[in-house]
PDB file of N, CA and C in Angstrom:
ATOM      1  N   MET A   1      15.385  11.295   0.055  1.00  0.00           N
ATOM      2  CA  MET A   1      14.177  10.278  -0.134  1.00  0.00           C
ATOM      3  C   MET A   1      14.446  10.168   1.589  1.00  0.00           C
ATOM      4  N   LEU A   2      14.788  10.485   2.309  1.00  0.00           N
ATOM      5  CA  LEU A   2      15.258  10.516   4.305  1.00  0.00           C
ATOM      6  C   LEU A   2      13.695  11.871   4.916  1.00  0.00           C
ATOM      7  N   LEU A   3      12.664  11.879   3.638  1.00  0.00           N
ATOM      8  CA  LEU A   3      11.502  13.281   4.234  1.00  0.00           C
ATOM      9  C   LEU A   3      10.604  11.192   4.158  1.00  0.00           C
ATOM     10  N   LEU A   4      10.732  11.242   3.019  1.00  0.00           N
ATOM     11  CA  LEU A   4      10.086   9.973   3.022  1.00  0.00           C
ATOM     12  C   LEU A   4       9.863   9.324   3.485  1.00  0.00           C
ATOM     13  N   LEU A   5      11.392   8.766   4.100  1.00  0.00           N
ATOM     14  CA  LEU A   5      11.220   7.811   5.202  1.00  0.00           C
ATOM     15  C   LEU A   5      10.619   8.278   6.281  1.00  0.00           C
ATOM     16  N   ALA A   6      10.948   9.541   6.831  1.00  0.00           N
ATOM     17  CA  ALA A   6      10.209  10.279   8.517  1.00  0.00           C
ATOM     18  C   ALA A   6       8.536  10.108   7.905  1.00  0.00           C
ATOM     19  N   VAL A   7       8.154  10.907   6.801  1.00  0.00           N
ATOM     20  CA  VAL A   7       6.902  11.078   6.646  1.00  0.00           C
ATOM     21  C   VAL A   7       6.126   9.498   6.784  1.00  0.00           C
ATOM     22  N   ALA A   8       7.094   8.169   6.076  1.00  0.00           N
ATOM     23  CA  ALA A   8       6.356   7.194   6.568  1.00  0.00           C
ATOM     24  C   ALA A   8       6.753   6.478   7.884  1.00  0.00           C
ATOM     25  N   ILE A   9       7.479   6.696   8.372  1.00  0.00           N
ATOM     26  CA  ILE A   9       7.678   5.988   9.880  1.00  0.00           C
ATOM     27  C   ILE A   9       6.124   7.076  10.707  1.00  0.00           C
ATOM     28  N   GLY A  10       6.672   8.195  10.624  1.00  0.00           N
ATOM     29  CA  GLY A  10       5.056   9.476  10.908  1.00  0.00           C
ATOM     30  C   GLY A  10       3.847   8.164  10.555  1.00  0.00           C
ATOM     31  N   VAL A  11       3.719   7.579   9.392  1.00  0.00           N
ATOM     32  CA  VAL A  11       2.714   6.962   8.955  1.00  0.00           C
ATOM     33  C   VAL A  11       2.105   6.116  10.297  1.00  0.00           C
ATOM     34  N   ILE A  12       3.445   5.171  10.234  1.00  0.00           N
ATOM     35  CA  ILE A  12       3.348   3.942  11.138  1.00  0.00           C
ATOM     36  C   ILE A  12       2.955   4.414  12.186  1.00  0.00           C
ATOM     37  N   VAL A  13       3.509   5.506  13.249  1.00  0.00           N
ATOM     38  CA  VAL A  13       3.683   5.853  14.478  1.00  0.00           C
ATOM     39  C   VAL A  13       1.625   6.132  14.871  1.00  0.00           C
ATOM     40  N   VAL A  14       1.439   6.941  13.735  1.00  0.00           N
ATOM     41  CA  VAL A  14       0.069   7.316  13.585  1.00  0.00           C
ATOM     42  C   VAL A  14      -0.930   6.372  13.720  1.00  0.00           C
ATOM     43  N   LEU A  15      -0.785   5.461  13.363  1.00  0.00           N
ATOM     44  CA  LEU A  15      -1.713   4.353  12.527  1.00  0.00           C
ATOM     45  C   LEU A  15      -1.568   3.144  13.929  1.00  0.00           C
ATOM     46  N   ALA A  16      -0.377   2.964  14.556  1.00  0.00           N
ATOM     47  CA  ALA A  16      -0.004   2.445  15.654  1.00  0.00           C
ATOM     48  C   ALA A  16      -0.965   2.875  16.671  1.00  0.00           C
ATOM     49  N   LYS A  17      -0.691   4.127  16.907  1.00  0.00           N
ATOM     50  CA  LYS A  17      -1.108   4.656  17.857  1.00  0.00           C
ATOM     51  C   LYS A  17      -2.877   4.377  17.909  1.00  0.00           C
ATOM     52  N   ALA A  18      -3.210   4.480  16.383  1.00  0.00           N
ATOM     53  CA  ALA A  18      -4.823   4.841  16.242  1.00  0.00           C
ATOM     54  C   ALA A  18      -5.352   3.130  16.587  1.00  0.00           C
ATOM     55  N   GLY A  19      -5.039   2.145  16.643  1.00  0.00           N
ATOM     56  CA  GLY A  19      -4.365   0.571  16.528  1.00  0.00           C
ATOM     57  C   GLY A  19      -5.118   0.311  14.757  1.00  0.00           C
ATOM     58  N   ALA A  20      -4.602   0.951  14.241  1.00  0.00           N
ATOM     59  CA  ALA A  20      -5.276   0.070  12.995  1.00  0.00           C
ATOM     60  C   ALA A  20      -4.131  -1.337  12.713  1.00  0.00           C
ATOM     61  N   GLY A  21      -4.406  -2.410  12.120  1.00  0.00           N
ATOM     62  CA  GLY A  21      -4.336  -3.229  12.173  1.00  0.00           C
ATOM     63  C   GLY A  21      -3.155  -3.896  11.280  1.00  0.00           C
ATOM     64  N   ALA A  22      -2.298  -4.922  11.205  1.00  0.00           N
ATOM     65  CA  ALA A  22      -0.410  -4.366   9.824  1.00  0.00           C
ATOM     66  C   ALA A  22      -0.633  -4.438   9.246  1.00  0.00           C
ATOM     67  N   PHE A  23      -1.380  -5.042   8.620  1.00  0.00           N
ATOM     68  CA  PHE A  23      -2.053  -4.642   6.871  1.00  0.00           C
ATOM     69  C   PHE A  23      -2.035  -3.431   6.999  1.00  0.00           C
ATOM     70  N   TRP A  24      -2.559  -2.563   7.802  1.00  0.00           N
ATOM     71  CA  TRP A  24      -2.682  -0.943   6.892  1.00  0.00           C
ATOM     72  C   TRP A  24      -1.792  -0.277   7.513  1.00  0.00           C
ATOM     73  N   VAL A  25      -1.142  -0.403   8.592  1.00  0.00           N
ATOM     74  CA  VAL A  25       0.662   0.081   9.074  1.00  0.00           C
ATOM     75  C   VAL A  25       1.293  -0.606   7.605  1.00  0.00           C
ATOM     76  N   GLN A  26       1.806  -1.285   7.319  1.00  0.00           N
ATOM     77  CA  GLN A  26       2.505  -2.040   6.273  1.00  0.00           C
ATOM     78  C   GLN A  26       2.437  -1.104   4.970  1.00  0.00           C
ATOM     79  N   THR A  27       0.699  -1.453   4.672  1.00  0.00           N
ATOM     80  CA  THR A  27       0.326  -0.787   3.550  1.00  0.00           C
ATOM     81  C   THR A  27       1.052   0.946   3.241  1.00  0.00           C
ATOM     82  N   ALA A  28       0.064   1.345   4.306  1.00  0.00           N
ATOM     83  CA  ALA A  28       0.227   2.847   4.245  1.00  0.00           C
ATOM     84  C   ALA A  28       1.680   3.306   3.914  1.00  0.00           C
ATOM     85  N   ALA A  29       2.421   2.571   4.593  1.00  0.00           N
ATOM     86  CA  ALA A  29       3.914   2.918   4.800  1.00  0.00           C
ATOM     87  C   ALA A  29       4.817   2.361   2.998  1.00  0.00           C
ATOM     88  N   ILE A  30       4.260   1.316   3.020  1.00  0.00           N
ATOM     89  CA  ILE A  30       5.183   1.225   2.159  1.00  0.00           C
ATOM     90  C   ILE A  30       4.249   2.219   0.642  1.00  0.00           C
ATOM     91  N   ALA A  31       2.770   2.421   0.546  1.00  0.00           N
ATOM     92  CA  ALA A  31       2.364   3.407  -0.402  1.00  0.00           C
ATOM     93  C   ALA A  31       2.789   4.885  -0.565  1.00  0.00           C
ATOM     94  N   VAL A  32       3.014   5.437   0.991  1.00  0.00           N
ATOM     95  CA  VAL A  32       3.627   6.833   1.018  1.00  0.00           C
ATOM     96  C   VAL A  32       4.989   6.211   0.229  1.00  0.00           C
ATOM     97  N   LEU A  33       6.018   5.215   0.500  1.00  0.00           N
ATOM     98  CA  LEU A  33       7.551   6.052  -0.173  1.00  0.00           C
ATOM     99  C   LEU A  33       7.287   5.917  -1.910  1.00  0.00           C
ATOM    100  N   LEU A  34       5.797   4.741  -1.813  1.00  0.00           N
ATOM    101  CA  LEU A  34       6.070   4.294  -3.412  1.00  0.00           C
ATOM    102  C   LEU A  34       5.550   5.816  -4.172  1.00  0.00           C
ATOM    103  N   ILE A  35       4.624   6.194  -3.613  1.00  0.00           N
ATOM    104  CA  ILE A  35       3.506   7.309  -4.202  1.00  0.00           C
ATOM    105  C   ILE A  35       4.570   9.030  -3.813  1.00  0.00           C
ATOM    106  N   GLY A  36       5.251   8.365  -2.752  1.00  0.00           N
ATOM    107  CA  GLY A  36       6.120   9.721  -2.747  1.00  0.00           C
ATOM    108  C   GLY A  36       7.351   9.879  -4.074  1.00  0.00           C
ATOM    109  N   GLY A  37       7.962   8.244  -3.675  1.00  0.00           N
ATOM    110  CA  GLY A  37       8.913   7.938  -4.550  1.00  0.00           C
ATOM    111  C   GLY A  37       8.856   8.755  -6.405  1.00  0.00           C
ATOM    112  N   LEU A  38       7.601   7.927  -6.655  1.00  0.00           N
ATOM    113  CA  LEU A  38       7.204   8.177  -8.122  1.00  0.00           C
ATOM    114  C   LEU A  38       7.215   9.797  -8.447  1.00  0.00           C
ATOM    115  N   GLY A  39       6.592  10.075  -7.156  1.00  0.00           N
ATOM    116  CA  GLY A  39       6.238  11.709  -7.612  1.00  0.00           C
ATOM    117  C   GLY A  39       7.324  12.736  -7.638  1.00  0.00           C
ATOM    118  N   ALA A  40       9.380  12.141  -7.097  1.00  0.00           N
ATOM    119  CA  ALA A  40       9.708  13.198  -6.832  1.00  0.00           C
ATOM    120  C   ALA A  40      10.765  12.605  -8.046  1.00  0.00           C
ATOM    121  N   GLN A  41      10.142  11.403  -8.659  1.00  0.00           N
ATOM    122  CA  GLN A  41      11.397  11.032  -9.893  1.00  0.00           C
ATOM    123  C   GLN A  41      10.525  11.816 -11.397  1.00  0.00           C
ATOM    124  N   SER A  42       9.630  11.811 -11.560  1.00  0.00           N
ATOM    125  CA  SER A  42       8.744  12.531 -12.302  1.00  0.00           C
ATOM    126  C   SER A  42       8.609  14.147 -12.248  1.00  0.00           C
ATOM    127  N   MET A  43       9.188  14.696 -11.133  1.00  0.00           N
ATOM    128  CA  MET A  43       9.694  15.746 -11.184  1.00  0.00           C
ATOM    129  C   MET A  43      11.187  16.523 -11.364  1.00  0.00           C
ATOM    130  N   GLY A  44      11.380  15.124 -11.210  1.00  0.00           N
ATOM    131  CA  GLY A  44      12.719  14.925 -11.679  1.00  0.00           C
ATOM    132  C   GLY A  44      13.929  15.304 -10.619  1.00  0.00           C
ATOM    133  N   LEU A  45      13.669  15.039  -9.799  1.00  0.00           N
ATOM    134  CA  LEU A  45      14.748  15.360  -8.365  1.00  0.00           C
ATOM    135  C   LEU A  45      15.941  14.103  -7.893  1.00  0.00           C
ATOM    136  N   PHE A  46      15.547  12.876  -9.048  1.00  0.00           N
ATOM    137  CA  PHE A  46      16.498  12.004  -8.968  1.00  0.00           C
ATOM    138  C   PHE A  46      17.704  11.999  -9.969  1.00  0.00           C
ATOM    139  N   GLN A  47      17.855  13.597 -10.864  1.00  0.00           N
ATOM    140  CA  GLN A  47      18.263  13.451 -12.500  1.00  0.00           C
ATOM    141  C   GLN A  47      19.645  13.887 -12.149  1.00  0.00           C
ATOM    142  N   LYS A  48      19.848  13.171 -12.418  1.00  0.00           N
ATOM    143  CA  LYS A  48      21.615  13.525 -12.389  1.00  0.00           C
ATOM    144  C   LYS A  48      21.900  15.085 -13.418  1.00  0.00           C
ATOM    145  N   LYS A  49      22.358  15.712 -13.086  1.00  0.00           N
ATOM    146  CA  LYS A  49      23.050  17.422 -13.684  1.00  0.00           C
ATOM    147  C   LYS A  49      23.685  16.863 -14.607  1.00  0.00           C
ATOM    148  N   ALA A  50      24.236  17.100 -16.194  1.00  0.00           N
ATOM    149  CA  ALA A  50      25.067  17.138 -17.054  1.00  0.00           C
ATOM    150  C   ALA A  50      26.621  17.686 -16.486  1.00  0.00           C
ATOM    151  N   LYS A  51      27.483  17.278 -16.786  1.00  0.00           N
ATOM    152  CA  LYS A  51      28.680  17.867 -16.473  1.00  0.00           C
ATOM    153  C   LYS A  51      28.765  18.772 -17.748  1.00  0.00           C
ATOM    154  N   LYS A  52      28.953  20.332 -17.615  1.00  0.00           N
ATOM    155  CA  LYS A  52      29.240  21.514 -18.886  1.00  0.00           C
ATOM    156  C   LYS A  52      30.956  20.925 -19.065  1.00  0.00           C
ATOM    157  N   LYS A  53      31.380  20.284 -19.992  1.00  0.00           N
ATOM    158  CA  LYS A  53      32.562  20.321 -20.681  1.00  0.00           C
ATOM    159  C   LYS A  53      33.069  21.684 -20.550  1.00  0.00           C
ATOM    160  N   THR A  54      34.344  22.232 -20.190  1.00  0.00           N
ATOM    161  CA  THR A  54      35.008  23.047 -20.411  1.00  0.00           C
ATOM    162  C   THR A  54      36.796  23.386 -20.760  1.00  0.00           C
ATOM    163  N   GLU A  55      36.683  23.719 -22.023  1.00  0.00           N
ATOM    164  CA  GLU A  55      37.767  23.370 -23.378  1.00  0.00           C
ATOM    165  C   GLU A  55      38.048  24.625 -23.758  1.00  0.00           C
TER     166      GLU A  55
END
């Protein structure tokens, strides 16, 4: 998630330097976090691994 946050901040900086409106700055950052989070969830990055019982 920290990587997604870094990418979202980078998108905000690039759009701010380009003179984009506030709508696009907010929308692009939210889209990066949402789409990246959904992609990471579908790849199983947020799934806890089951602990094996050792008896």
